[in-house]
Amino acid sequence: MYNWLTIKIVSDARPEDKAARETAELFASILADEYGVRYPEITVDEELYYVQAVSKGEEKKYRFPRELVEGMLSQINNEPEKYVNYPEE
């Protein structure tokens, strides 16, 4: 769930980033196919991200530190030259 959330945050912030979008879709697929995760809902406050989802018929709740989840996006924003979006062919 953490990996999906982290790359989803990047993908949402960078809609032109095909690699981020495809990776988020891959993680979503794994969560759905292997763990039965459906209908994930994300909320956020000053300190935490909350994910609520149905997994194999049961409602599950997760929480992750905001600083940790946004770490990849912060790194990309701080060093954009290392994370160039290449045009799709």
C-alpha atoms as a PDB file:
ATOM      1  CA  MET A   1       0.000   0.000   0.000  1.00  0.00           C
ATOM      2  CA  TYR A   2       2.836   2.381   0.876  1.00  0.00           C
ATOM      3  CA  ASN A   3       4.562   1.889  -2.481  1.00  0.00           C
ATOM      4  CA  TRP A   4       1.326   2.462  -4.378  1.00  0.00           C
ATOM      5  CA  LEU A   5       0.519   5.581  -2.364  1.00  0.00           C
ATOM      6  CA  THR A   6       3.993   7.054  -2.823  1.00  0.00           C
ATOM      7  CA  ILE A   7       4.030   6.649  -6.598  1.00  0.00           C
ATOM      8  CA  LYS A   8       0.361   7.709  -6.881  1.00  0.00           C
ATOM      9  CA  ILE A   9       1.269  11.006  -5.194  1.00  0.00           C
ATOM     10  CA  VAL A  10       4.069  11.463  -7.757  1.00  0.00           C
ATOM     11  CA  SER A  11       1.810  10.468 -10.646  1.00  0.00           C
ATOM     12  CA  ASP A  12      -0.966  12.839  -9.537  1.00  0.00           C
ATOM     13  CA  ALA A  13       1.504  15.718  -9.214  1.00  0.00           C
ATOM     14  CA  ARG A  14       3.140  14.935 -12.572  1.00  0.00           C
ATOM     15  CA  PRO A  15       0.366  13.816 -14.959  1.00  0.00           C
ATOM     16  CA  GLU A  16       2.776  13.980 -17.914  1.00  0.00           C
ATOM     17  CA  ASP A  17       5.113  11.457 -16.253  1.00  0.00           C
ATOM     18  CA  LYS A  18       4.337   8.222 -18.096  1.00  0.00           C
ATOM     19  CA  ALA A  19       6.703   6.129 -15.961  1.00  0.00           C
ATOM     20  CA  ALA A  20       5.075   7.292 -12.730  1.00  0.00           C
ATOM     21  CA  ARG A  21       1.579   6.709 -14.138  1.00  0.00           C
ATOM     22  CA  GLU A  22       2.445   3.204 -15.357  1.00  0.00           C
ATOM     23  CA  THR A  23       4.107   2.321 -12.048  1.00  0.00           C
ATOM     24  CA  ALA A  24       1.096   3.547 -10.069  1.00  0.00           C
ATOM     25  CA  GLU A  25      -1.158   1.465 -12.312  1.00  0.00           C
ATOM     26  CA  LEU A  26       1.085  -1.578 -11.804  1.00  0.00           C
ATOM     27  CA  PHE A  27       0.974  -1.250  -8.015  1.00  0.00           C
ATOM     28  CA  ALA A  28      -2.809  -0.720  -8.114  1.00  0.00           C
ATOM     29  CA  SER A  29      -3.124  -3.872 -10.198  1.00  0.00           C
ATOM     30  CA  ILE A  30      -1.000  -5.873  -7.754  1.00  0.00           C
ATOM     31  CA  LEU A  31      -3.049  -4.612  -4.807  1.00  0.00           C
ATOM     32  CA  ALA A  32      -6.279  -5.560  -6.574  1.00  0.00           C
ATOM     33  CA  ASP A  33      -5.186  -8.913  -8.006  1.00  0.00           C
ATOM     34  CA  GLU A  34      -3.078 -10.281  -5.153  1.00  0.00           C
ATOM     35  CA  TYR A  35      -4.660  -8.647  -2.119  1.00  0.00           C
ATOM     36  CA  GLY A  36      -8.203  -7.967  -3.259  1.00  0.00           C
ATOM     37  CA  VAL A  37      -7.909  -4.242  -2.563  1.00  0.00           C
ATOM     38  CA  ARG A  38     -10.811  -2.234  -3.946  1.00  0.00           C
ATOM     39  CA  TYR A  39     -12.022   1.354  -3.702  1.00  0.00           C
ATOM     40  CA  PRO A  40      -9.001   2.976  -2.028  1.00  0.00           C
ATOM     41  CA  GLU A  41      -9.762   6.441  -0.693  1.00  0.00           C
ATOM     42  CA  ILE A  42      -6.977   8.799   0.318  1.00  0.00           C
ATOM     43  CA  THR A  43      -7.220  11.621   2.801  1.00  0.00           C
ATOM     44  CA  VAL A  44      -4.421  13.702   4.231  1.00  0.00           C
ATOM     45  CA  ASP A  45      -3.837  16.023   7.136  1.00  0.00           C
ATOM     46  CA  GLU A  46      -0.773  17.965   8.297  1.00  0.00           C
ATOM     47  CA  GLU A  47       1.045  14.841   9.499  1.00  0.00           C
ATOM     48  CA  LEU A  48      -0.424  11.720   7.915  1.00  0.00           C
ATOM     49  CA  TYR A  49      -1.891  10.158   4.805  1.00  0.00           C
ATOM     50  CA  TYR A  50      -4.846   7.880   5.440  1.00  0.00           C
ATOM     51  CA  VAL A  51      -5.925   5.174   3.044  1.00  0.00           C
ATOM     52  CA  GLN A  52      -9.232   3.435   3.509  1.00  0.00           C
ATOM     53  CA  ALA A  53     -10.001   0.466   1.250  1.00  0.00           C
ATOM     54  CA  VAL A  54     -11.886  -2.778   1.018  1.00  0.00           C
ATOM     55  CA  SER A  55      -9.599  -5.814   1.010  1.00  0.00           C
ATOM     56  CA  LYS A  56     -11.133  -9.240   0.477  1.00  0.00           C
ATOM     57  CA  GLY A  57     -14.470  -7.952   1.688  1.00  0.00           C
ATOM     58  CA  GLU A  58     -13.144  -6.274   4.838  1.00  0.00           C
ATOM     59  CA  GLU A  59     -12.709  -2.567   5.362  1.00  0.00           C
ATOM     60  CA  LYS A  60      -9.073  -1.732   6.080  1.00  0.00           C
ATOM     61  CA  LYS A  61      -7.460   1.497   7.216  1.00  0.00           C
ATOM     62  CA  TYR A  62      -3.837   2.467   6.814  1.00  0.00           C
ATOM     63  CA  ARG A  63      -1.869   5.542   7.776  1.00  0.00           C
ATOM     64  CA  PHE A  64       1.545   6.726   6.720  1.00  0.00           C
ATOM     65  CA  PRO A  65       3.681   9.719   7.708  1.00  0.00           C
ATOM     66  CA  ARG A  66       3.294  12.509   5.194  1.00  0.00           C
ATOM     67  CA  GLU A  67       7.029  13.220   5.104  1.00  0.00           C
ATOM     68  CA  LEU A  68       7.722   9.605   4.170  1.00  0.00           C
ATOM     69  CA  VAL A  69       5.021   9.404   1.484  1.00  0.00           C
ATOM     70  CA  GLU A  70       6.022  12.702  -0.107  1.00  0.00           C
ATOM     71  CA  GLY A  71       9.755  11.934   0.025  1.00  0.00           C
ATOM     72  CA  MET A  72      10.001  10.790  -3.589  1.00  0.00           C
ATOM     73  CA  LEU A  73       8.039  13.776  -4.896  1.00  0.00           C
ATOM     74  CA  SER A  74      10.194  16.141  -2.825  1.00  0.00           C
ATOM     75  CA  GLN A  75      13.340  14.571  -4.250  1.00  0.00           C
ATOM     76  CA  ILE A  76      12.012  14.959  -7.794  1.00  0.00           C
ATOM     77  CA  ASN A  77      11.041  18.574  -7.166  1.00  0.00           C
ATOM     78  CA  ASN A  78      14.401  19.373  -5.558  1.00  0.00           C
ATOM     79  CA  GLU A  79      16.441  17.828  -8.386  1.00  0.00           C
ATOM     80  CA  PRO A  80      14.271  17.971 -11.518  1.00  0.00           C
ATOM     81  CA  GLU A  81      17.280  17.547 -13.812  1.00  0.00           C
ATOM     82  CA  LYS A  82      17.597  13.966 -12.550  1.00  0.00           C
ATOM     83  CA  TYR A  83      13.950  13.153 -13.329  1.00  0.00           C
ATOM     84  CA  VAL A  84      13.405  14.295 -16.869  1.00  0.00           C
ATOM     85  CA  ASN A  85      10.200  13.296 -18.632  1.00  0.00           C
ATOM     86  CA  TYR A  86      11.048  11.948 -22.040  1.00  0.00           C
ATOM     87  CA  PRO A  87       8.486  12.388 -24.818  1.00  0.00           C
ATOM     88  CA  GLU A  88       6.403   9.361 -25.668  1.00  0.00           C
ATOM     89  CA  GLU A  89       7.188   7.907 -29.063  1.00  0.00           C
END
